[in-house]
Amino acid sequence: MIRVKIKKAIKKAMEMACPMATQDLKLNTKNRDAAIHAEHIQYGPLNVDEPGDYWKDIAEYWNTTIDAAKKSLCSNCVAFDISPRMIECMPGPVSDKDGILGYCWMHHFKCHSARACRTWAKGGPIEKNDISHQWQEKAAIDEGV
């Protein structure tokens, strides 16, 4: 009985390990680049200080104003994880003058709070470990494939 409980506890701990993309730069870059280039995602802008036409283009896509689009950021997206456990998963400092680095559960890469994408959904960020765990359980993907 105790052996079964220990095995279940170990399995649960392994399942809640850091997402692979937070630990593997090559995988994170692959996933991030896919999100930049995918027509339905368009993660950006590349440089938040020089966004080019990014906000105009995303505002047109959403049929809204540039000001409204600029308020729909990763920082307030339902899939943006900045829980304490996720901050621990990051490879180094996670904040700068523009915001904080978190994890995107929709597209599986380290994401900056000052950016946005076309799949943005209101309701975030994720700030509690138990909610982060729920997203990880829902994701149930093999990020290494």
N, C-alpha and C. Protein backbone atom coordinates (compact mmCIF):
# COMPACT_ATOMS: atom_id res chain seq x y z
N MET A 1 0.82 -1.20 0.00
CA MET A 1 0.00 0.00 0.00
C MET A 1 0.87 1.26 0.00
N ILE A 2 1.87 1.29 0.87
CA ILE A 2 2.76 2.44 0.94
C ILE A 2 3.54 2.58 -0.36
N ARG A 3 3.97 1.46 -0.92
CA ARG A 3 4.72 1.49 -2.18
C ARG A 3 3.88 2.11 -3.30
N VAL A 4 2.60 1.79 -3.34
CA VAL A 4 1.70 2.35 -4.36
C VAL A 4 1.56 3.86 -4.17
N LYS A 5 1.41 4.30 -2.94
CA LYS A 5 1.29 5.73 -2.65
C LYS A 5 2.56 6.47 -3.05
N ILE A 6 3.70 5.88 -2.76
CA ILE A 6 4.97 6.51 -3.13
C ILE A 6 5.10 6.60 -4.64
N LYS A 7 4.75 5.54 -5.35
CA LYS A 7 4.81 5.55 -6.81
C LYS A 7 3.88 6.62 -7.39
N LYS A 8 2.69 6.75 -6.83
CA LYS A 8 1.74 7.76 -7.30
C LYS A 8 2.28 9.16 -7.03
N ALA A 9 2.89 9.36 -5.87
CA ALA A 9 3.45 10.67 -5.53
C ALA A 9 4.61 11.02 -6.47
N ILE A 10 5.46 10.05 -6.76
CA ILE A 10 6.57 10.29 -7.68
C ILE A 10 6.04 10.59 -9.08
N LYS A 11 5.06 9.84 -9.52
CA LYS A 11 4.47 10.08 -10.84
C LYS A 11 3.88 11.49 -10.92
N LYS A 12 3.17 11.90 -9.90
CA LYS A 12 2.56 13.24 -9.87
C LYS A 12 3.65 14.31 -9.90
N ALA A 13 4.72 14.13 -9.15
CA ALA A 13 5.82 15.10 -9.13
C ALA A 13 6.47 15.18 -10.50
N MET A 14 6.65 14.06 -11.16
CA MET A 14 7.25 14.05 -12.49
C MET A 14 6.35 14.75 -13.50
N GLU A 15 5.05 14.55 -13.38
CA GLU A 15 4.11 15.18 -14.30
C GLU A 15 4.12 16.70 -14.14
N MET A 16 4.44 17.20 -12.97
CA MET A 16 4.41 18.62 -12.71
C MET A 16 5.81 19.24 -12.80
N ALA A 17 6.71 18.55 -13.47
CA ALA A 17 8.04 19.12 -13.69
C ALA A 17 7.90 20.34 -14.60
N CYS A 18 8.94 21.11 -14.67
CA CYS A 18 8.93 22.29 -15.55
C CYS A 18 8.64 21.88 -16.99
N PRO A 19 7.86 22.67 -17.71
CA PRO A 19 7.64 22.37 -19.12
C PRO A 19 8.97 22.30 -19.86
N MET A 20 9.07 21.37 -20.79
CA MET A 20 10.33 21.15 -21.49
C MET A 20 10.87 22.42 -22.15
N ALA A 21 9.99 23.24 -22.70
CA ALA A 21 10.45 24.44 -23.39
C ALA A 21 11.11 25.46 -22.46
N THR A 22 10.86 25.36 -21.16
CA THR A 22 11.54 26.26 -20.22
C THR A 22 12.96 25.80 -19.94
N GLN A 23 13.24 24.55 -20.27
CA GLN A 23 14.54 23.96 -19.97
C GLN A 23 15.40 23.72 -21.21
N ASP A 24 14.77 23.75 -22.37
CA ASP A 24 15.45 23.40 -23.63
C ASP A 24 15.34 24.59 -24.59
N LEU A 25 16.44 25.33 -24.74
CA LEU A 25 16.43 26.53 -25.57
C LEU A 25 16.04 26.23 -27.02
N LYS A 26 16.53 25.13 -27.56
CA LYS A 26 16.21 24.77 -28.95
C LYS A 26 14.71 24.53 -29.12
N LEU A 27 14.10 23.80 -28.20
CA LEU A 27 12.66 23.54 -28.28
C LEU A 27 11.87 24.83 -28.08
N ASN A 28 12.28 25.66 -27.12
CA ASN A 28 11.58 26.93 -26.89
C ASN A 28 11.64 27.80 -28.14
N THR A 29 12.80 27.89 -28.75
CA THR A 29 12.97 28.70 -29.96
C THR A 29 12.12 28.17 -31.09
N LYS A 30 12.09 26.86 -31.25
CA LYS A 30 11.26 26.23 -32.29
C LYS A 30 9.78 26.58 -32.08
N ASN A 31 9.30 26.45 -30.86
CA ASN A 31 7.89 26.73 -30.56
C ASN A 31 7.58 28.22 -30.71
N ARG A 32 8.49 29.07 -30.23
CA ARG A 32 8.28 30.51 -30.34
C ARG A 32 8.27 30.95 -31.80
N ASP A 33 9.24 30.46 -32.57
CA ASP A 33 9.30 30.82 -33.98
C ASP A 33 8.06 30.35 -34.74
N ALA A 34 7.56 29.18 -34.38
CA ALA A 34 6.32 28.69 -35.01
C ALA A 34 5.16 29.64 -34.68
N ALA A 35 5.12 30.17 -33.45
CA ALA A 35 4.06 31.10 -33.05
C ALA A 35 4.20 32.45 -33.75
N ILE A 36 5.42 32.85 -34.06
CA ILE A 36 5.64 34.10 -34.80
C ILE A 36 5.12 33.96 -36.23
N HIS A 37 5.42 32.83 -36.86
CA HIS A 37 5.13 32.66 -38.28
C HIS A 37 3.74 32.11 -38.59
N ALA A 38 3.10 31.46 -37.64
CA ALA A 38 1.77 30.90 -37.89
C ALA A 38 0.76 32.02 -38.12
N GLU A 39 0.06 31.95 -39.20
CA GLU A 39 -0.91 32.99 -39.56
C GLU A 39 -1.96 33.19 -38.46
N HIS A 40 -2.37 32.10 -37.80
CA HIS A 40 -3.42 32.22 -36.78
C HIS A 40 -2.90 32.64 -35.41
N ILE A 41 -1.57 32.78 -35.25
CA ILE A 41 -1.01 33.18 -33.96
C ILE A 41 -0.35 34.56 -34.04
N GLN A 42 0.65 34.73 -34.87
CA GLN A 42 1.34 36.01 -35.08
C GLN A 42 1.84 36.63 -33.77
N TYR A 43 2.61 35.86 -32.99
CA TYR A 43 3.20 36.36 -31.74
C TYR A 43 4.12 37.55 -32.03
N GLY A 44 3.99 38.61 -31.25
CA GLY A 44 4.83 39.77 -31.45
C GLY A 44 4.44 40.91 -30.52
N PRO A 45 4.94 42.09 -30.75
CA PRO A 45 5.93 42.44 -31.77
C PRO A 45 7.32 41.96 -31.37
N LEU A 46 8.18 41.82 -32.36
CA LEU A 46 9.54 41.37 -32.09
C LEU A 46 10.22 42.30 -31.09
N ASN A 47 10.17 43.58 -31.33
CA ASN A 47 10.77 44.58 -30.46
C ASN A 47 9.65 45.47 -29.94
N VAL A 48 9.37 45.39 -28.64
CA VAL A 48 8.25 46.17 -28.10
C VAL A 48 8.51 47.67 -28.14
N ASP A 49 9.77 48.07 -28.26
CA ASP A 49 10.10 49.50 -28.37
C ASP A 49 9.93 50.02 -29.79
N GLU A 50 9.99 49.14 -30.77
CA GLU A 50 9.81 49.49 -32.18
C GLU A 50 8.89 48.46 -32.83
N PRO A 51 7.60 48.55 -32.57
CA PRO A 51 6.67 47.51 -33.01
C PRO A 51 6.30 47.54 -34.49
N GLY A 52 6.75 48.54 -35.21
CA GLY A 52 6.38 48.62 -36.62
C GLY A 52 4.86 48.68 -36.76
N ASP A 53 4.30 47.88 -37.67
CA ASP A 53 2.85 47.86 -37.90
C ASP A 53 2.14 46.79 -37.09
N TYR A 54 2.84 46.16 -36.14
CA TYR A 54 2.24 45.03 -35.42
C TYR A 54 0.89 45.38 -34.83
N TRP A 55 0.78 46.48 -34.07
CA TRP A 55 -0.48 46.80 -33.38
C TRP A 55 -1.57 47.19 -34.37
N LYS A 56 -1.21 47.86 -35.44
CA LYS A 56 -2.19 48.19 -36.48
C LYS A 56 -2.73 46.91 -37.12
N ASP A 57 -1.83 45.98 -37.43
CA ASP A 57 -2.23 44.74 -38.09
C ASP A 57 -3.10 43.87 -37.19
N ILE A 58 -2.73 43.76 -35.91
CA ILE A 58 -3.52 42.91 -35.01
C ILE A 58 -4.87 43.56 -34.70
N ALA A 59 -4.89 44.91 -34.65
CA ALA A 59 -6.16 45.61 -34.44
C ALA A 59 -7.10 45.36 -35.62
N GLU A 60 -6.56 45.39 -36.83
CA GLU A 60 -7.39 45.08 -38.01
C GLU A 60 -7.89 43.64 -37.95
N TYR A 61 -7.05 42.71 -37.57
CA TYR A 61 -7.44 41.30 -37.47
C TYR A 61 -8.60 41.13 -36.49
N TRP A 62 -8.51 41.81 -35.33
CA TRP A 62 -9.54 41.71 -34.30
C TRP A 62 -10.71 42.66 -34.54
N ASN A 63 -10.61 43.48 -35.59
CA ASN A 63 -11.66 44.45 -35.89
C ASN A 63 -11.90 45.39 -34.69
N THR A 64 -10.78 45.96 -34.22
CA THR A 64 -10.86 46.85 -33.06
C THR A 64 -9.87 48.01 -33.26
N THR A 65 -9.71 48.81 -32.25
CA THR A 65 -8.77 49.93 -32.32
C THR A 65 -7.37 49.49 -31.91
N ILE A 66 -6.39 50.28 -32.29
CA ILE A 66 -5.01 50.01 -31.88
C ILE A 66 -4.90 50.08 -30.36
N ASP A 67 -5.55 51.07 -29.75
CA ASP A 67 -5.50 51.19 -28.29
C ASP A 67 -6.07 49.95 -27.60
N ALA A 68 -7.17 49.43 -28.11
CA ALA A 68 -7.76 48.21 -27.53
C ALA A 68 -6.83 47.02 -27.73
N ALA A 69 -6.24 46.91 -28.90
CA ALA A 69 -5.32 45.80 -29.17
C ALA A 69 -4.12 45.84 -28.22
N LYS A 70 -3.63 47.03 -27.94
CA LYS A 70 -2.47 47.18 -27.06
C LYS A 70 -2.77 46.79 -25.61
N LYS A 71 -4.04 46.66 -25.28
CA LYS A 71 -4.43 46.25 -23.93
C LYS A 71 -4.65 44.74 -23.84
N SER A 72 -4.58 44.05 -24.96
CA SER A 72 -4.77 42.59 -25.01
C SER A 72 -3.40 41.92 -25.12
N LEU A 73 -2.71 41.91 -24.01
CA LEU A 73 -1.32 41.45 -23.97
C LEU A 73 -1.20 40.08 -23.33
N CYS A 74 -0.05 39.48 -23.52
CA CYS A 74 0.23 38.22 -22.83
C CYS A 74 0.05 38.40 -21.32
N SER A 75 0.38 39.58 -20.81
CA SER A 75 0.30 39.84 -19.37
C SER A 75 -1.10 39.61 -18.80
N ASN A 76 -2.14 39.72 -19.62
CA ASN A 76 -3.49 39.48 -19.12
C ASN A 76 -4.22 38.39 -19.90
N CYS A 77 -3.43 37.50 -20.49
CA CYS A 77 -4.00 36.35 -21.22
C CYS A 77 -4.20 35.18 -20.25
N VAL A 78 -5.26 34.46 -20.45
CA VAL A 78 -5.61 33.33 -19.58
C VAL A 78 -4.55 32.24 -19.58
N ALA A 79 -3.74 32.12 -20.63
CA ALA A 79 -2.74 31.05 -20.73
C ALA A 79 -1.34 31.49 -20.31
N PHE A 80 -1.18 32.72 -19.85
CA PHE A 80 0.14 33.26 -19.47
C PHE A 80 0.43 32.92 -18.02
N ASP A 81 1.43 32.07 -17.80
CA ASP A 81 1.74 31.53 -16.48
C ASP A 81 2.95 32.22 -15.85
N ILE A 82 2.68 32.95 -14.77
CA ILE A 82 3.74 33.58 -13.98
C ILE A 82 3.62 33.14 -12.52
N SER A 83 3.16 31.92 -12.33
CA SER A 83 3.04 31.37 -10.98
C SER A 83 4.43 31.22 -10.37
N PRO A 84 4.51 31.15 -9.05
CA PRO A 84 5.83 30.96 -8.42
C PRO A 84 6.59 29.75 -8.97
N ARG A 85 5.89 28.65 -9.21
CA ARG A 85 6.58 27.46 -9.72
C ARG A 85 7.13 27.70 -11.12
N MET A 86 6.40 28.47 -11.93
CA MET A 86 6.86 28.72 -13.30
C MET A 86 8.03 29.69 -13.30
N ILE A 87 8.02 30.66 -12.40
CA ILE A 87 9.16 31.57 -12.29
C ILE A 87 10.42 30.76 -11.94
N GLU A 88 10.25 29.75 -11.09
CA GLU A 88 11.38 28.88 -10.73
C GLU A 88 11.88 28.07 -11.94
N CYS A 89 11.01 27.82 -12.90
CA CYS A 89 11.40 27.06 -14.11
C CYS A 89 12.25 27.89 -15.06
N MET A 90 12.19 29.20 -14.94
CA MET A 90 12.89 30.06 -15.88
C MET A 90 14.40 29.98 -15.65
N PRO A 91 15.18 30.15 -16.72
CA PRO A 91 16.62 29.97 -16.62
C PRO A 91 17.39 31.11 -15.95
N GLY A 92 16.74 32.21 -15.70
CA GLY A 92 17.43 33.35 -15.08
C GLY A 92 16.44 34.43 -14.74
N PRO A 93 16.91 35.68 -14.66
CA PRO A 93 16.01 36.80 -14.34
C PRO A 93 14.82 36.84 -15.31
N VAL A 94 13.67 37.18 -14.78
CA VAL A 94 12.45 37.11 -15.59
C VAL A 94 11.79 38.45 -15.87
N SER A 95 12.35 39.53 -15.37
CA SER A 95 11.69 40.81 -15.62
C SER A 95 12.69 41.82 -16.18
N ASP A 96 12.12 42.78 -16.90
CA ASP A 96 12.89 43.90 -17.43
C ASP A 96 11.99 45.13 -17.37
N LYS A 97 12.40 46.23 -17.97
CA LYS A 97 11.62 47.47 -17.89
C LYS A 97 10.25 47.36 -18.54
N ASP A 98 10.08 46.39 -19.45
CA ASP A 98 8.82 46.25 -20.17
C ASP A 98 7.86 45.24 -19.57
N GLY A 99 8.34 44.37 -18.69
CA GLY A 99 7.45 43.36 -18.13
C GLY A 99 8.17 42.15 -17.59
N ILE A 100 7.51 41.01 -17.72
CA ILE A 100 8.00 39.78 -17.11
C ILE A 100 7.91 38.61 -18.11
N LEU A 101 8.83 37.69 -17.97
CA LEU A 101 8.82 36.48 -18.79
C LEU A 101 7.98 35.43 -18.08
N GLY A 102 7.08 34.81 -18.81
CA GLY A 102 6.25 33.74 -18.27
C GLY A 102 6.21 32.60 -19.27
N TYR A 103 5.25 31.72 -19.09
CA TYR A 103 5.12 30.57 -19.98
C TYR A 103 3.74 30.58 -20.62
N CYS A 104 3.70 30.36 -21.93
CA CYS A 104 2.43 30.31 -22.65
C CYS A 104 1.98 28.85 -22.77
N TRP A 105 0.87 28.53 -22.11
CA TRP A 105 0.34 27.17 -22.18
C TRP A 105 -0.37 26.89 -23.50
N MET A 106 -0.75 27.91 -24.24
CA MET A 106 -1.38 27.68 -25.55
C MET A 106 -0.37 27.24 -26.59
N HIS A 107 0.82 27.87 -26.55
CA HIS A 107 1.78 27.65 -27.63
C HIS A 107 3.12 27.09 -27.15
N HIS A 108 3.25 26.86 -25.87
CA HIS A 108 4.37 26.12 -25.28
C HIS A 108 5.74 26.73 -25.53
N PHE A 109 5.88 27.98 -25.08
CA PHE A 109 7.18 28.64 -25.11
C PHE A 109 7.21 29.72 -24.03
N LYS A 110 8.42 30.20 -23.73
CA LYS A 110 8.56 31.30 -22.78
C LYS A 110 8.11 32.57 -23.50
N CYS A 111 7.23 33.28 -22.86
CA CYS A 111 6.53 34.40 -23.49
C CYS A 111 6.73 35.66 -22.64
N HIS A 112 6.87 36.81 -23.30
CA HIS A 112 7.04 38.07 -22.59
C HIS A 112 5.69 38.78 -22.42
N SER A 113 5.47 39.32 -21.26
CA SER A 113 4.18 39.93 -20.92
C SER A 113 3.81 41.13 -21.79
N ALA A 114 4.78 41.81 -22.40
CA ALA A 114 4.50 43.00 -23.21
C ALA A 114 4.13 42.66 -24.64
N ARG A 115 4.13 41.39 -24.98
CA ARG A 115 3.78 40.98 -26.34
C ARG A 115 2.34 40.47 -26.37
N ALA A 116 1.92 40.06 -27.56
CA ALA A 116 0.54 39.59 -27.75
C ALA A 116 0.52 38.57 -28.89
N CYS A 117 -0.65 38.02 -29.13
CA CYS A 117 -0.84 37.17 -30.30
C CYS A 117 -2.33 37.11 -30.64
N ARG A 118 -2.63 36.55 -31.77
CA ARG A 118 -4.01 36.50 -32.24
C ARG A 118 -4.88 35.53 -31.45
N THR A 119 -4.28 34.65 -30.67
CA THR A 119 -5.07 33.70 -29.88
C THR A 119 -5.27 34.17 -28.44
N TRP A 120 -4.95 35.44 -28.16
CA TRP A 120 -5.13 36.00 -26.84
C TRP A 120 -6.54 35.75 -26.33
N ALA A 121 -6.63 35.41 -25.04
CA ALA A 121 -7.94 35.22 -24.40
C ALA A 121 -7.91 35.86 -23.02
N LYS A 122 -8.90 36.66 -22.74
CA LYS A 122 -9.00 37.38 -21.47
C LYS A 122 -9.04 36.40 -20.29
N GLY A 123 -8.44 36.84 -19.18
CA GLY A 123 -8.60 36.06 -17.97
C GLY A 123 -7.33 35.78 -17.19
N GLY A 124 -6.22 36.27 -17.63
CA GLY A 124 -4.97 35.95 -16.96
C GLY A 124 -4.41 37.14 -16.22
N PRO A 125 -3.23 36.95 -15.71
CA PRO A 125 -2.35 35.81 -15.88
C PRO A 125 -2.61 34.71 -14.84
N ILE A 126 -1.93 33.60 -15.02
CA ILE A 126 -1.95 32.51 -14.04
C ILE A 126 -0.92 32.87 -12.98
N GLU A 127 -1.37 33.04 -11.74
CA GLU A 127 -0.47 33.47 -10.67
C GLU A 127 -0.37 32.48 -9.52
N LYS A 128 -1.14 31.40 -9.58
CA LYS A 128 -1.14 30.42 -8.49
C LYS A 128 -0.67 29.06 -9.01
N ASN A 129 0.11 28.39 -8.17
CA ASN A 129 0.65 27.09 -8.57
C ASN A 129 -0.43 26.07 -8.90
N ASP A 130 -1.52 26.06 -8.14
CA ASP A 130 -2.56 25.06 -8.42
C ASP A 130 -3.21 25.29 -9.79
N ILE A 131 -3.38 26.54 -10.19
CA ILE A 131 -3.93 26.83 -11.52
C ILE A 131 -2.91 26.45 -12.60
N SER A 132 -1.64 26.71 -12.34
CA SER A 132 -0.57 26.31 -13.26
C SER A 132 -0.59 24.79 -13.46
N HIS A 133 -0.74 24.06 -12.37
CA HIS A 133 -0.81 22.59 -12.46
C HIS A 133 -2.01 22.15 -13.30
N GLN A 134 -3.13 22.82 -13.12
CA GLN A 134 -4.33 22.46 -13.91
C GLN A 134 -4.07 22.66 -15.40
N TRP A 135 -3.42 23.77 -15.76
CA TRP A 135 -3.11 24.01 -17.17
C TRP A 135 -2.15 22.95 -17.69
N GLN A 136 -1.19 22.56 -16.86
CA GLN A 136 -0.24 21.54 -17.30
C GLN A 136 -0.94 20.20 -17.51
N GLU A 137 -1.85 19.86 -16.63
CA GLU A 137 -2.61 18.63 -16.79
C GLU A 137 -3.46 18.67 -18.06
N LYS A 138 -4.07 19.82 -18.33
CA LYS A 138 -4.89 19.97 -19.54
C LYS A 138 -4.05 19.89 -20.80
N ALA A 139 -2.85 20.45 -20.73
CA ALA A 139 -1.98 20.47 -21.91
C ALA A 139 -1.68 19.06 -22.37
N ALA A 140 -1.30 18.21 -21.45
CA ALA A 140 -1.08 16.79 -21.71
C ALA A 140 -0.49 16.51 -23.09
N ILE A 141 0.57 17.22 -23.41
CA ILE A 141 1.21 17.01 -24.70
C ILE A 141 2.65 16.58 -24.49
N ASP A 142 3.22 15.99 -25.50
CA ASP A 142 4.63 15.65 -25.46
C ASP A 142 5.34 16.80 -26.18
N GLU A 143 5.85 17.75 -25.40
CA GLU A 143 6.47 18.94 -25.97
C GLU A 143 7.74 18.62 -26.74
N GLY A 144 8.26 17.44 -26.58
CA GLY A 144 9.50 17.09 -27.26
C GLY A 144 9.28 16.56 -28.66
N VAL A 145 8.06 16.44 -29.09
CA VAL A 145 7.78 15.89 -30.42
C VAL A 145 7.71 17.00 -31.44
